[in-house]
N, C-alpha and C. Protein backbone atom coordinates (compact mmCIF):
# COMPACT_ATOMS: atom_id res chain seq x y z
N UNK A 1 128.66 77.04 122.26
CA UNK A 1 129.95 75.99 122.96
C UNK A 1 130.73 77.12 123.41
N UNK A 2 131.27 76.26 124.49
CA UNK A 2 131.82 77.09 125.06
C UNK A 2 133.03 77.26 124.55
N UNK A 3 133.75 78.67 124.85
CA UNK A 3 134.66 79.33 124.22
C UNK A 3 135.98 78.74 124.90
N UNK A 4 137.23 78.04 124.48
CA UNK A 4 138.29 77.49 124.86
C UNK A 4 139.05 78.79 125.18
N UNK A 5 139.92 78.30 126.55
CA UNK A 5 140.83 79.60 126.72
C UNK A 5 142.04 79.81 125.58
N UNK A 6 142.56 81.35 125.42
CA UNK A 6 143.37 81.62 124.59
C UNK A 6 144.65 80.50 124.54
N UNK A 7 144.75 80.23 123.47
CA UNK A 7 146.07 79.22 123.13
C UNK A 7 145.60 77.95 123.32
N UNK A 8 144.75 77.60 123.87
CA UNK A 8 144.49 76.05 124.08
C UNK A 8 144.30 74.94 122.78
N UNK A 9 144.78 74.08 122.44
CA UNK A 9 144.42 73.34 121.62
C UNK A 9 142.95 73.12 121.31
N UNK A 10 142.75 73.01 120.07
CA UNK A 10 141.34 72.51 119.50
C UNK A 10 141.66 70.80 119.95
N UNK A 11 140.12 70.65 120.39
CA UNK A 11 139.80 69.05 120.48
C UNK A 11 138.55 69.07 119.60
N UNK A 12 138.16 67.62 119.37
CA UNK A 12 137.94 66.99 118.15
C UNK A 12 136.86 66.07 118.59
N UNK A 13 135.66 65.76 118.64
CA UNK A 13 134.77 64.57 118.71
C UNK A 13 134.18 64.27 117.67
N UNK A 14 134.61 63.20 116.88
CA UNK A 14 134.04 62.77 115.45
C UNK A 14 132.98 61.75 115.64
N UNK A 15 131.87 62.21 115.57
CA UNK A 15 131.31 60.74 115.46
C UNK A 15 130.43 60.32 114.04
N UNK A 16 130.36 58.91 114.19
CA UNK A 16 129.48 58.43 113.30
C UNK A 16 128.19 58.42 113.41
N UNK A 17 127.06 58.19 112.20
CA UNK A 17 126.17 58.61 112.23
C UNK A 17 125.32 57.48 112.45
N UNK A 18 125.01 56.76 111.52
CA UNK A 18 124.26 55.42 111.26
C UNK A 18 124.76 54.08 112.22
N UNK A 19 123.91 53.78 113.37
CA UNK A 19 124.59 53.01 114.72
C UNK A 19 125.01 53.38 115.68
N UNK A 20 125.45 54.88 115.66
CA UNK A 20 125.68 55.57 116.76
C UNK A 20 125.32 56.94 117.14
N UNK A 21 124.79 57.65 116.63
CA UNK A 21 123.98 58.64 116.61
C UNK A 21 122.68 58.37 116.67
N UNK A 22 122.21 57.62 115.67
CA UNK A 22 120.99 57.12 115.48
C UNK A 22 120.46 55.93 114.71
N UNK A 23 119.50 55.31 115.22
CA UNK A 23 119.05 53.45 114.85
C UNK A 23 118.37 54.01 113.75
N UNK A 24 119.06 53.58 112.57
CA UNK A 24 118.60 53.96 110.75
C UNK A 24 118.71 52.57 110.48
N UNK A 25 118.57 51.13 111.25
CA UNK A 25 118.91 50.34 110.33
C UNK A 25 117.65 49.73 109.35
N UNK A 26 116.50 49.76 110.11
CA UNK A 26 114.98 49.57 109.52
C UNK A 26 115.02 50.31 108.05
N UNK A 27 115.27 51.43 108.06
CA UNK A 27 114.84 52.16 107.11
C UNK A 27 115.73 52.00 105.98
N UNK A 28 117.07 51.63 106.22
CA UNK A 28 118.17 51.19 105.27
C UNK A 28 118.08 49.87 104.98
N UNK A 29 117.43 48.88 105.81
CA UNK A 29 116.85 47.71 105.16
C UNK A 29 115.66 47.68 104.23
N UNK A 30 114.81 48.20 104.70
CA UNK A 30 113.61 48.52 103.65
C UNK A 30 114.12 49.28 102.29
N UNK A 31 115.05 49.94 102.01
CA UNK A 31 115.45 50.47 101.26
C UNK A 31 116.40 49.85 100.33
N UNK A 32 117.33 48.92 100.93
CA UNK A 32 117.90 47.67 100.62
C UNK A 32 116.79 46.80 99.65
N UNK A 33 116.03 46.35 100.81
CA UNK A 33 114.84 45.27 100.04
C UNK A 33 114.22 45.79 98.74
N UNK A 34 113.76 47.38 98.81
CA UNK A 34 113.56 47.59 97.42
C UNK A 34 114.23 47.92 96.17
N UNK A 35 115.80 48.43 96.51
CA UNK A 35 116.68 48.09 95.81
C UNK A 35 116.92 46.55 95.06
N UNK A 36 116.74 45.56 95.69
CA UNK A 36 116.75 44.39 95.64
C UNK A 36 115.82 43.84 94.22
N UNK A 37 114.76 44.19 94.61
CA UNK A 37 113.24 44.18 94.09
C UNK A 37 113.13 44.57 92.60
N UNK A 38 113.42 45.65 93.08
CA UNK A 38 113.69 46.28 91.39
C UNK A 38 114.45 46.05 90.50
N UNK A 39 115.84 45.13 90.98
CA UNK A 39 116.43 44.46 89.79
C UNK A 39 116.46 42.74 89.83
N UNK A 40 115.44 42.62 90.76
CA UNK A 40 114.87 40.83 90.72
C UNK A 40 115.79 40.28 91.55
N UNK A 41 116.58 40.58 92.08
CA UNK A 41 117.52 39.90 92.88
C UNK A 41 117.05 39.51 94.28
N UNK A 42 115.74 39.15 94.78
CA UNK A 42 114.96 38.77 95.74
C UNK A 42 115.10 39.50 97.06
N UNK A 43 115.56 39.11 98.33
CA UNK A 43 115.78 40.32 99.47
C UNK A 43 117.26 39.77 100.05
N UNK A 44 118.01 40.68 100.23
CA UNK A 44 119.10 40.68 100.96
C UNK A 44 119.31 40.13 102.24
N UNK A 45 120.04 39.63 102.87
CA UNK A 45 120.32 39.10 104.62
C UNK A 45 120.14 40.70 105.04
N UNK A 46 119.43 40.41 106.27
CA UNK A 46 119.37 41.64 106.72
C UNK A 46 120.58 41.79 108.06
N UNK A 47 121.16 40.69 108.44
CA UNK A 47 122.38 40.97 109.14
C UNK A 47 123.46 41.26 108.30
N UNK A 48 123.54 40.77 107.07
CA UNK A 48 124.17 41.40 106.44
C UNK A 48 124.33 42.74 105.98
N UNK A 49 123.11 42.83 105.66
CA UNK A 49 122.97 44.38 105.27
C UNK A 49 123.49 45.56 106.54
N UNK A 50 123.31 45.08 107.72
CA UNK A 50 123.55 45.73 109.17
C UNK A 50 124.92 45.93 109.22
N UNK A 51 125.71 45.06 108.54
CA UNK A 51 127.24 44.65 108.82
C UNK A 51 127.82 45.80 108.07
N UNK A 52 127.01 46.02 106.95
CA UNK A 52 128.17 47.04 105.70
C UNK A 52 127.49 48.58 105.72
N UNK A 53 126.70 48.47 107.10
CA UNK A 53 126.54 49.86 107.18
C UNK A 53 127.62 50.74 107.90
N UNK A 54 128.22 51.72 107.17
CA UNK A 54 128.78 52.87 107.59
C UNK A 54 130.20 52.76 106.35
N UNK A 55 130.25 51.37 105.52
CA UNK A 55 130.90 51.72 104.14
C UNK A 55 130.01 52.65 103.35
N UNK A 56 130.79 53.40 102.32
CA UNK A 56 130.28 54.01 101.32
C UNK A 56 129.25 52.95 100.47
N UNK A 57 128.31 53.89 99.72
CA UNK A 57 126.88 52.72 99.31
C UNK A 57 127.60 51.81 98.38
N UNK A 58 128.38 51.96 96.84
CA UNK A 58 128.94 51.29 96.30
C UNK A 58 129.08 50.35 96.65
N UNK A 59 130.36 50.68 97.93
CA UNK A 59 131.23 49.26 98.34
C UNK A 59 130.63 48.48 98.84
N UNK A 60 129.34 48.94 99.97
CA UNK A 60 128.74 48.11 100.44
C UNK A 60 127.78 47.07 99.36
N UNK A 61 127.13 47.47 98.33
CA UNK A 61 126.02 46.71 97.41
C UNK A 61 127.59 46.01 96.84
N UNK A 62 128.68 46.51 96.60
CA UNK A 62 129.47 45.05 95.94
C UNK A 62 129.88 44.23 96.91
N UNK A 63 129.92 44.62 98.12
CA UNK A 63 130.34 43.29 99.20
C UNK A 63 128.91 42.56 99.10
N UNK A 64 127.96 42.85 99.25
CA UNK A 64 126.66 42.15 99.58
C UNK A 64 126.14 41.52 97.91
N UNK A 65 126.67 42.14 96.67
CA UNK A 65 126.46 41.55 95.77
C UNK A 65 127.75 40.96 94.87
N UNK A 66 128.71 40.40 95.44
CA UNK A 66 130.12 40.23 94.39
C UNK A 66 129.90 39.48 93.13
N UNK A 67 128.44 38.85 92.68
CA UNK A 67 128.63 37.89 91.76
C UNK A 67 128.68 39.18 90.31
N UNK A 68 127.96 40.22 90.59
CA UNK A 68 127.50 41.12 89.73
C UNK A 68 128.48 42.24 89.57
N UNK A 69 128.75 42.71 88.51
CA UNK A 69 129.75 43.84 87.85
C UNK A 69 129.48 45.15 88.24
N UNK A 70 130.83 45.65 88.64
CA UNK A 70 130.70 46.92 88.73
C UNK A 70 129.71 47.89 88.12
N UNK A 71 129.02 48.24 87.20
CA UNK A 71 128.11 48.74 86.48
C UNK A 71 126.67 48.60 87.10
N UNK A 72 126.62 47.00 87.50
CA UNK A 72 125.41 46.99 88.25
C UNK A 72 125.45 47.16 89.77
N UNK A 73 126.63 47.15 90.62
CA UNK A 73 126.57 47.68 91.86
C UNK A 73 126.02 49.28 91.62
N UNK A 74 127.00 49.86 91.01
CA UNK A 74 126.39 51.56 90.89
C UNK A 74 124.63 51.36 90.45
N UNK A 75 124.15 50.62 89.48
CA UNK A 75 122.60 50.78 89.23
C UNK A 75 121.72 50.11 90.50
N UNK A 76 122.14 49.32 91.39
CA UNK A 76 121.56 48.78 92.89
C UNK A 76 121.76 50.04 93.89
N UNK A 77 122.57 50.57 93.68
CA UNK A 77 123.00 52.07 94.66
C UNK A 77 122.35 53.10 94.42
N UNK A 78 121.90 53.23 92.92
CA UNK A 78 121.22 54.55 92.72
C UNK A 78 119.80 53.78 92.89
N UNK A 79 119.01 52.64 92.86
CA UNK A 79 117.74 52.10 93.34
C UNK A 79 117.89 52.67 94.77
N UNK A 80 118.86 52.03 95.32
CA UNK A 80 118.64 52.20 96.86
C UNK A 80 118.53 53.82 97.54
N UNK A 81 119.17 54.76 96.64
CA UNK A 81 119.19 55.99 96.84
C UNK A 81 117.61 56.81 96.63
N UNK A 82 116.97 55.80 95.51
CA UNK A 82 115.90 56.37 94.96
C UNK A 82 114.75 55.99 96.02
N UNK A 83 115.18 54.75 96.56
CA UNK A 83 114.13 54.13 97.34
C UNK A 83 114.19 54.88 98.77
N UNK A 84 115.10 55.34 99.20
CA UNK A 84 115.20 55.51 100.45
C UNK A 84 114.84 57.05 100.61
N UNK A 85 114.96 57.92 99.41
CA UNK A 85 114.62 59.22 99.08
C UNK A 85 112.88 59.22 98.98
N UNK A 86 112.34 58.29 98.80
CA UNK A 86 111.08 58.13 98.00
C UNK A 86 110.38 57.87 99.61
N UNK A 87 110.65 56.98 100.45
CA UNK A 87 110.80 56.71 101.73
C UNK A 87 110.45 57.85 102.49
N UNK A 88 111.67 58.79 102.70
CA UNK A 88 111.56 60.12 103.36
C UNK A 88 110.65 61.23 103.37
N UNK A 89 110.27 61.07 101.64
CA UNK A 89 109.17 61.97 101.10
C UNK A 89 108.31 61.36 101.83
N UNK A 90 107.65 60.28 101.80
CA UNK A 90 106.36 59.74 102.03
C UNK A 90 106.53 60.02 103.92
N UNK A 91 107.44 60.01 104.20
CA UNK A 91 107.59 60.28 106.01
C UNK A 91 107.76 58.51 106.70
N UNK A 92 108.08 57.86 105.82
CA UNK A 92 108.50 56.66 106.64
C UNK A 92 109.65 56.17 107.34
N UNK A 93 110.55 57.04 106.88
CA UNK A 93 111.84 57.07 107.14
C UNK A 93 111.83 57.38 109.04
N UNK A 94 112.21 56.28 109.58
CA UNK A 94 112.16 56.75 111.33
C UNK A 94 113.97 56.41 111.27
N UNK A 95 114.62 57.64 112.13
CA UNK A 95 115.82 57.29 112.57
C UNK A 95 116.11 57.94 113.77
N UNK A 96 115.65 57.11 114.81
CA UNK A 96 115.72 57.80 115.83
C UNK A 96 117.04 57.92 116.97
N UNK A 97 117.34 58.77 117.56
CA UNK A 97 118.46 59.23 118.56
C UNK A 97 118.69 57.62 119.70
N UNK A 98 119.91 57.64 119.18
CA UNK A 98 119.78 56.62 120.55
C UNK A 98 119.95 57.22 122.33
N UNK A 99 119.32 56.65 122.98
CA UNK A 99 119.37 57.50 124.60
C UNK A 99 120.53 58.00 125.01
N UNK A 100 120.25 58.99 125.81
CA UNK A 100 121.71 59.61 125.96
C UNK A 100 122.75 60.51 125.00
N UNK A 101 122.38 60.43 123.87
CA UNK A 101 123.28 60.99 122.73
C UNK A 101 123.22 62.85 122.95
N UNK A 102 121.78 63.25 122.92
CA UNK A 102 121.86 64.20 123.55
C UNK A 102 122.85 64.89 124.61
N UNK A 103 123.05 64.22 125.63
CA UNK A 103 123.42 64.52 126.83
C UNK A 103 125.18 64.14 126.30
N UNK A 104 124.98 63.39 125.87
CA UNK A 104 126.71 63.70 125.48
C UNK A 104 127.15 64.54 124.60
N UNK A 105 125.99 64.86 123.57
CA UNK A 105 126.89 66.32 123.01
C UNK A 105 126.58 67.56 123.96
N UNK A 106 125.98 67.41 124.62
CA UNK A 106 126.00 68.87 125.43
C UNK A 106 127.18 68.75 126.35
N UNK A 107 127.45 67.27 126.95
CA UNK A 107 128.12 67.60 127.77
C UNK A 107 129.97 68.10 127.21
N UNK A 108 129.95 67.50 125.90
CA UNK A 108 131.30 67.78 125.22
C UNK A 108 131.50 68.89 124.59
N UNK A 109 130.43 69.87 124.37
CA UNK A 109 130.31 71.46 124.13
C UNK A 109 131.10 71.57 125.46
N UNK A 110 130.07 71.64 126.44
CA UNK A 110 130.23 72.21 127.51
C UNK A 110 131.78 72.42 128.33
N UNK A 111 132.13 71.12 127.84
CA UNK A 111 133.65 71.18 127.94
C UNK A 111 134.92 71.43 126.70
N UNK A 112 134.07 72.25 125.90
CA UNK A 112 134.90 73.05 124.77
C UNK A 112 135.29 71.99 123.98
N UNK A 113 134.76 70.95 123.68
CA UNK A 113 135.07 70.25 122.36
C UNK A 113 134.32 70.07 121.38
N UNK A 114 135.05 70.27 120.24
CA UNK A 114 134.27 70.66 119.11
C UNK A 114 133.58 69.29 118.78
N UNK A 115 132.30 69.16 118.06
CA UNK A 115 131.62 68.01 117.42
C UNK A 115 131.66 67.92 116.08
N UNK A 116 131.97 66.93 115.26
CA UNK A 116 131.88 66.66 113.97
C UNK A 116 131.23 65.28 113.99
N UNK A 117 130.67 65.11 112.71
CA UNK A 117 130.31 63.79 112.26
C UNK A 117 130.90 63.22 110.65
N UNK A 118 131.46 61.96 111.13
CA UNK A 118 132.16 61.17 109.51
C UNK A 118 131.03 60.19 109.33
N UNK A 119 130.14 60.29 108.22
CA UNK A 119 129.53 59.21 108.03
C UNK A 119 129.33 58.61 106.44
N UNK A 120 129.04 57.37 106.51
CA UNK A 120 128.90 56.57 105.04
C UNK A 120 127.57 57.07 104.38
N UNK A 121 126.83 58.39 105.19
CA UNK A 121 125.65 58.65 104.40
C UNK A 121 126.33 60.02 103.52
N UNK A 122 125.12 59.96 102.51
CA UNK A 122 125.03 61.29 101.79
C UNK A 122 124.82 62.67 102.44
N UNK A 123 125.34 63.52 102.16
CA UNK A 123 125.19 64.76 102.82
C UNK A 123 123.70 65.31 102.99
N UNK A 124 123.05 64.72 101.64
CA UNK A 124 121.50 64.97 102.12
C UNK A 124 120.81 64.59 102.99
N UNK A 125 121.31 63.14 103.04
CA UNK A 125 120.61 62.07 104.15
C UNK A 125 120.98 62.56 105.37
N UNK A 126 122.25 63.10 105.60
CA UNK A 126 122.79 63.45 106.81
C UNK A 126 122.49 64.62 107.40
N UNK A 127 122.11 65.83 106.30
CA UNK A 127 121.27 66.87 106.55
C UNK A 127 119.68 66.89 107.31
N UNK A 128 119.49 65.77 106.44
CA UNK A 128 117.80 65.46 106.86
C UNK A 128 117.44 64.76 108.57
N UNK A 129 118.74 63.94 108.93
CA UNK A 129 118.96 63.46 110.20
C UNK A 129 118.86 64.44 111.02
N UNK A 130 120.05 65.64 110.80
CA UNK A 130 120.36 66.50 111.56
C UNK A 130 119.31 67.15 111.85
N UNK A 131 118.51 68.01 110.79
CA UNK A 131 117.21 68.71 110.57
C UNK A 131 116.21 68.03 111.42
N UNK A 132 115.97 66.88 111.44
CA UNK A 132 114.85 66.33 112.11
C UNK A 132 115.16 66.09 113.73
N UNK A 133 116.24 66.09 114.39
CA UNK A 133 116.27 65.78 115.49
C UNK A 133 116.95 67.41 115.96
N UNK A 134 116.81 68.38 115.44
CA UNK A 134 116.95 69.58 115.93
C UNK A 134 118.36 70.09 115.99
N UNK A 135 119.11 69.20 115.19
CA UNK A 135 120.86 69.25 115.49
C UNK A 135 121.25 70.16 114.59
N UNK A 136 120.74 70.89 113.43
CA UNK A 136 121.55 71.30 112.53
C UNK A 136 122.29 72.59 113.05
N UNK A 137 123.61 72.77 113.11
CA UNK A 137 124.34 73.78 113.35
C UNK A 137 125.49 73.19 114.53
N UNK A 138 125.05 71.91 115.21
CA UNK A 138 125.69 71.84 116.28
C UNK A 138 127.30 71.19 116.15
N UNK A 139 127.18 70.98 114.74
CA UNK A 139 128.34 70.18 114.44
C UNK A 139 129.38 70.91 113.72
N UNK A 140 130.63 71.32 114.13
CA UNK A 140 131.79 71.86 113.56
C UNK A 140 131.91 71.37 112.25
N UNK A 141 132.08 70.58 111.73
CA UNK A 141 132.43 69.71 110.48
C UNK A 141 131.73 68.05 110.07
N UNK A 142 131.41 68.32 108.87
CA UNK A 142 130.19 67.18 108.26
C UNK A 142 131.04 66.46 107.26
N UNK A 143 131.64 65.32 107.27
CA UNK A 143 132.13 64.70 106.57
C UNK A 143 130.92 63.21 106.07
N UNK A 144 131.04 63.21 104.75
CA UNK A 144 130.07 62.36 104.07
C UNK A 144 130.70 61.74 102.92
N UNK A 145 129.89 60.81 102.46
CA UNK A 145 130.65 59.53 101.79
C UNK A 145 130.56 60.47 100.21
N UNK A 146 130.25 61.23 99.89
CA UNK A 146 129.72 62.51 98.85
C UNK A 146 131.52 62.57 98.44
N UNK A 147 131.93 63.18 99.08
CA UNK A 147 133.72 63.38 98.86
C UNK A 147 134.92 62.46 98.91
N UNK A 148 135.36 61.64 98.08
CA UNK A 148 136.40 61.17 98.56
C UNK A 148 136.26 59.71 98.88
N UNK A 149 137.24 58.92 99.22
CA UNK A 149 137.05 57.48 99.91
C UNK A 149 135.95 57.58 100.93
N UNK A 150 135.83 56.54 101.42
CA UNK A 150 134.72 56.52 102.48
C UNK A 150 135.79 55.75 103.67
N UNK A 151 134.87 55.10 104.77
CA UNK A 151 135.90 54.66 105.62
C UNK A 151 136.08 52.66 105.10
N UNK A 152 137.12 52.46 105.69
CA UNK A 152 137.93 52.58 106.74
C UNK A 152 139.31 53.71 106.15
N UNK A 153 139.29 54.32 105.32
CA UNK A 153 140.34 54.94 104.74
C UNK A 153 140.49 56.42 105.74
N UNK A 154 141.62 56.82 105.95
CA UNK A 154 141.43 58.14 107.10
C UNK A 154 140.86 59.94 106.55
N UNK A 155 140.86 59.51 105.31
CA UNK A 155 140.33 60.65 104.33
C UNK A 155 139.14 61.86 105.35
N UNK A 156 138.52 60.88 105.59
CA UNK A 156 137.22 61.70 106.27
C UNK A 156 138.10 62.48 107.53
N UNK A 157 138.61 61.61 108.39
CA UNK A 157 139.47 61.65 109.52
C UNK A 157 139.96 63.58 108.97
N UNK A 158 140.82 63.12 108.44
CA UNK A 158 141.82 64.42 107.79
C UNK A 158 141.13 65.58 107.46
N UNK A 159 139.96 65.31 106.43
CA UNK A 159 139.20 66.52 106.36
C UNK A 159 138.95 67.27 107.09
N UNK A 160 138.40 66.91 108.00
CA UNK A 160 137.71 67.02 109.70
C UNK A 160 138.65 68.16 110.14
N UNK A 161 139.98 67.29 110.12
CA UNK A 161 141.10 68.27 111.03
C UNK A 161 141.43 69.55 110.16
N UNK A 162 141.55 69.63 108.80
CA UNK A 162 141.80 70.17 108.07
C UNK A 162 140.54 71.75 108.22
N UNK A 163 139.63 71.39 108.19
CA UNK A 163 138.19 72.12 108.39
C UNK A 163 138.16 72.44 109.59
N UNK A 164 138.60 72.12 110.85
CA UNK A 164 138.55 72.86 111.88
C UNK A 164 139.47 72.90 112.58
N UNK A 165 140.63 72.67 112.14
CA UNK A 165 142.19 73.06 112.89
C UNK A 165 142.60 72.46 114.03
N UNK A 166 141.79 71.24 114.07
CA UNK A 166 142.53 70.28 115.86
C UNK A 166 143.49 69.60 114.82
N UNK A 167 143.97 69.01 115.79
CA UNK A 167 145.19 68.24 115.23
C UNK A 167 145.16 66.68 116.06
N UNK A 168 145.78 65.43 115.33
CA UNK A 168 145.13 64.12 115.48
C UNK A 168 145.36 63.56 116.95
N UNK A 169 146.18 64.71 117.79
CA UNK A 169 146.43 64.18 118.94
C UNK A 169 145.17 64.67 120.25
N UNK A 170 144.51 65.77 119.52
CA UNK A 170 143.08 66.13 119.92
C UNK A 170 141.66 65.65 119.49
N UNK A 171 142.12 64.54 118.73
CA UNK A 171 140.80 63.81 118.17
C UNK A 171 140.30 62.87 118.79
N UNK A 172 139.14 62.45 118.51
CA UNK A 172 138.67 60.80 119.16
C UNK A 172 137.40 60.71 117.95
N UNK A 173 137.30 59.60 117.42
CA UNK A 173 136.72 59.06 116.50
C UNK A 173 135.59 58.02 117.26
N UNK A 174 134.03 58.12 117.38
CA UNK A 174 133.43 57.65 118.01
C UNK A 174 132.34 56.83 117.24
N UNK A 175 132.32 55.66 117.18
CA UNK A 175 131.23 54.93 116.00
C UNK A 175 131.40 53.31 116.58
N UNK A 176 130.17 52.78 116.00
CA UNK A 176 129.98 51.53 116.19
C UNK A 176 130.41 50.35 115.37
N UNK A 177 131.06 50.36 114.33
CA UNK A 177 131.77 49.44 113.70
C UNK A 177 133.25 49.62 113.61
N UNK A 178 133.66 48.20 112.92
CA UNK A 178 135.28 48.14 112.70
C UNK A 178 135.72 49.20 111.41
N UNK A 179 134.77 49.25 111.16
CA UNK A 179 135.38 50.77 109.83
C UNK A 179 135.44 51.95 110.42
N UNK A 180 134.87 52.19 111.75
CA UNK A 180 135.02 53.52 112.49
C UNK A 180 136.69 53.23 112.82
N UNK A 181 136.78 52.12 113.68
CA UNK A 181 137.67 52.04 114.60
C UNK A 181 139.14 51.92 113.32
N UNK A 182 138.79 51.04 112.53
CA UNK A 182 139.79 50.99 111.46
C UNK A 182 140.16 52.37 110.81
N UNK A 183 139.50 53.46 110.60
CA UNK A 183 139.52 54.55 110.09
C UNK A 183 140.22 55.31 110.94
N UNK A 184 139.96 55.47 111.84
CA UNK A 184 141.01 56.31 113.44
C UNK A 184 142.22 55.53 113.49
N UNK A 185 142.32 54.46 113.47
CA UNK A 185 143.70 54.16 113.36
C UNK A 185 144.37 54.35 112.57
N UNK A 186 144.09 54.84 110.99
CA UNK A 186 144.32 54.67 109.93
C UNK A 186 144.85 55.98 109.98
N UNK A 187 143.97 56.59 110.52
CA UNK A 187 144.42 58.81 110.81
C UNK A 187 144.97 58.72 111.70
N UNK A 188 145.53 57.70 112.57
CA UNK A 188 146.29 58.08 113.79
C UNK A 188 146.01 59.15 115.03
N UNK A 189 144.02 58.75 115.04
CA UNK A 189 143.61 59.32 116.43
C UNK A 189 142.90 58.06 116.97
N UNK A 190 142.33 58.45 118.34
CA UNK A 190 141.81 57.69 118.93
C UNK A 190 140.41 57.31 118.71
N UNK A 191 139.94 56.63 119.43
CA UNK A 191 138.81 55.90 119.23
C UNK A 191 137.50 55.09 120.54
N UNK A 192 136.33 55.63 120.15
CA UNK A 192 135.51 55.00 121.28
C UNK A 192 134.51 54.56 120.69
N UNK A 193 134.55 52.86 120.75
CA UNK A 193 133.58 51.76 120.11
C UNK A 193 132.49 52.16 120.92
N UNK A 194 131.22 52.46 120.28
CA UNK A 194 129.73 51.79 121.16
C UNK A 194 129.23 50.42 120.80
N UNK A 195 128.59 50.10 121.83
CA UNK A 195 128.07 48.62 121.93
C UNK A 195 126.65 48.50 121.41
N UNK A 196 125.77 49.29 121.15
CA UNK A 196 124.56 49.52 120.43
C UNK A 196 124.25 49.63 119.49
N UNK A 197 125.38 49.86 118.45
CA UNK A 197 125.06 49.56 116.86
C UNK A 197 125.32 48.16 116.04
N UNK A 198 126.09 48.44 115.06
CA UNK A 198 125.80 47.02 114.08
C UNK A 198 126.90 46.01 113.77
N UNK A 199 128.30 46.36 114.82
CA UNK A 199 128.85 45.28 115.05
C UNK A 199 129.26 44.95 116.71
N UNK A 200 129.88 43.75 117.06
CA UNK A 200 129.87 43.22 118.36
C UNK A 200 130.85 43.68 119.28
N UNK A 201 130.84 44.09 120.18
CA UNK A 201 131.86 44.31 120.94
C UNK A 201 133.21 43.89 120.76
N UNK A 202 133.49 42.45 120.68
CA UNK A 202 134.82 41.64 120.28
C UNK A 202 135.42 42.34 119.11
N UNK A 203 134.29 42.08 117.96
CA UNK A 203 134.96 43.00 116.71
C UNK A 203 135.68 44.25 117.22
N UNK A 204 135.28 45.23 118.05
CA UNK A 204 135.59 46.57 118.21
C UNK A 204 137.00 46.46 118.92
N UNK A 205 136.92 45.29 119.68
CA UNK A 205 138.08 45.42 120.55
C UNK A 205 139.48 45.00 119.54
N UNK A 206 139.48 43.71 118.84
CA UNK A 206 139.97 43.39 118.08
C UNK A 206 140.46 44.65 117.32
N UNK A 207 139.54 45.51 116.76
CA UNK A 207 139.86 46.42 115.51
C UNK A 207 140.65 47.48 116.28
N UNK A 208 140.93 47.51 117.50
CA UNK A 208 141.75 48.52 118.35
C UNK A 208 141.29 49.29 118.88
N UNK A 209 139.76 49.54 119.54
CA UNK A 209 139.19 50.40 119.94
C UNK A 209 139.78 51.05 121.27
N UNK A 210 140.35 52.44 121.84
CA UNK A 210 140.61 52.55 122.67
C UNK A 210 139.76 52.90 123.98
N UNK A 211 138.29 52.67 123.91
CA UNK A 211 137.71 52.45 124.89
C UNK A 211 136.22 51.50 124.17
N UNK A 212 135.55 51.31 124.97
CA UNK A 212 134.10 50.55 124.39
C UNK A 212 132.97 50.90 125.34
N UNK A 213 132.01 51.95 125.23
CA UNK A 213 130.80 51.86 125.76
C UNK A 213 129.51 51.73 125.89
N UNK A 214 128.70 51.53 126.78
CA UNK A 214 127.57 50.69 126.50
C UNK A 214 126.25 51.83 126.53
N UNK A 215 126.26 52.64 126.91
CA UNK A 215 125.03 53.50 127.24
C UNK A 215 125.88 55.20 126.68
N UNK A 216 124.91 55.57 125.77
CA UNK A 216 125.14 57.13 125.09
C UNK A 216 125.47 57.66 126.23
N UNK A 217 125.29 58.20 127.13
CA UNK A 217 125.57 59.36 128.42
C UNK A 217 127.25 58.80 128.73
N UNK A 218 127.55 57.62 128.50
CA UNK A 218 128.90 57.31 129.11
C UNK A 218 130.03 57.93 127.47
N UNK A 219 129.42 58.44 126.55
CA UNK A 219 130.43 58.45 125.88
C UNK A 219 131.43 59.40 126.16
N UNK A 220 130.77 60.77 126.48
CA UNK A 220 131.48 62.38 126.99
C UNK A 220 132.34 61.62 127.89
N UNK A 221 132.44 61.04 128.80
CA UNK A 221 133.24 60.41 130.02
C UNK A 221 134.37 60.05 129.07
N UNK A 222 134.47 58.76 128.35
CA UNK A 222 135.16 58.16 127.63
C UNK A 222 136.45 59.19 126.83
N UNK A 223 135.41 60.12 125.95
CA UNK A 223 135.84 61.16 125.07
C UNK A 223 137.07 61.81 125.90
N UNK A 224 136.56 62.24 126.94
CA UNK A 224 137.39 63.38 127.82
C UNK A 224 137.96 62.62 128.38
N UNK A 225 138.11 61.67 128.69
CA UNK A 225 139.39 60.61 129.50
C UNK A 225 140.52 60.37 128.06
N UNK A 226 140.36 60.06 127.18
CA UNK A 226 141.27 60.00 126.13
C UNK A 226 141.83 61.60 125.69
N UNK A 227 141.19 62.37 126.13
CA UNK A 227 141.55 63.86 125.17
C UNK A 227 142.77 64.10 126.55
N UNK A 228 142.00 63.94 127.85
CA UNK A 228 142.74 64.89 129.02
C UNK A 228 144.10 63.74 129.55
N UNK A 229 143.94 62.55 129.01
CA UNK A 229 144.92 61.12 129.69
C UNK A 229 146.26 61.50 128.78
């Protein structure tokens, strides 16, 4: 990572994971199907499952199954975790990086920007993704759903700022859902919406994204434009 000149303020690019760095929709939908089946709930609507990606797991289940009570939501979420972990153990989880993401990470590092992640994944799940793509150690801060409230609460951004020493004025959130953009607004940082994820571009625009990009390698330019503007 390029060192910043002495006295330069720290800058941080905080990435969502699912739908932004990696395409995990098929693994997520499969685990949801297995969790639903375990509780005799049939099958969830894949489109609705994709829309919930980014929220904390119990919150996502609660929105997908509003007729069930809180205890049932927790039970289904635990079934999902077991199903996902079992699939990973069998080598069946495929979470490929989106094209151009590695180029963007390298470009931001070369510009002296710290990298971070803020995701609805568990820390175990995030660690597995980063290890699988050789990205362990590339990120200065890793914020997951294991600690504190999830998106769109600003908690993860605030923790990332505290851990890295970056300030809100020098921070940009990059994500594919309105939850990411709303989290950024709630934390008073800027945001870049990506078009290849799980929420549509008009939704990202209405949520208040400062920039929208359509290719992975375009992210670095959009982030640097916001940081230097």
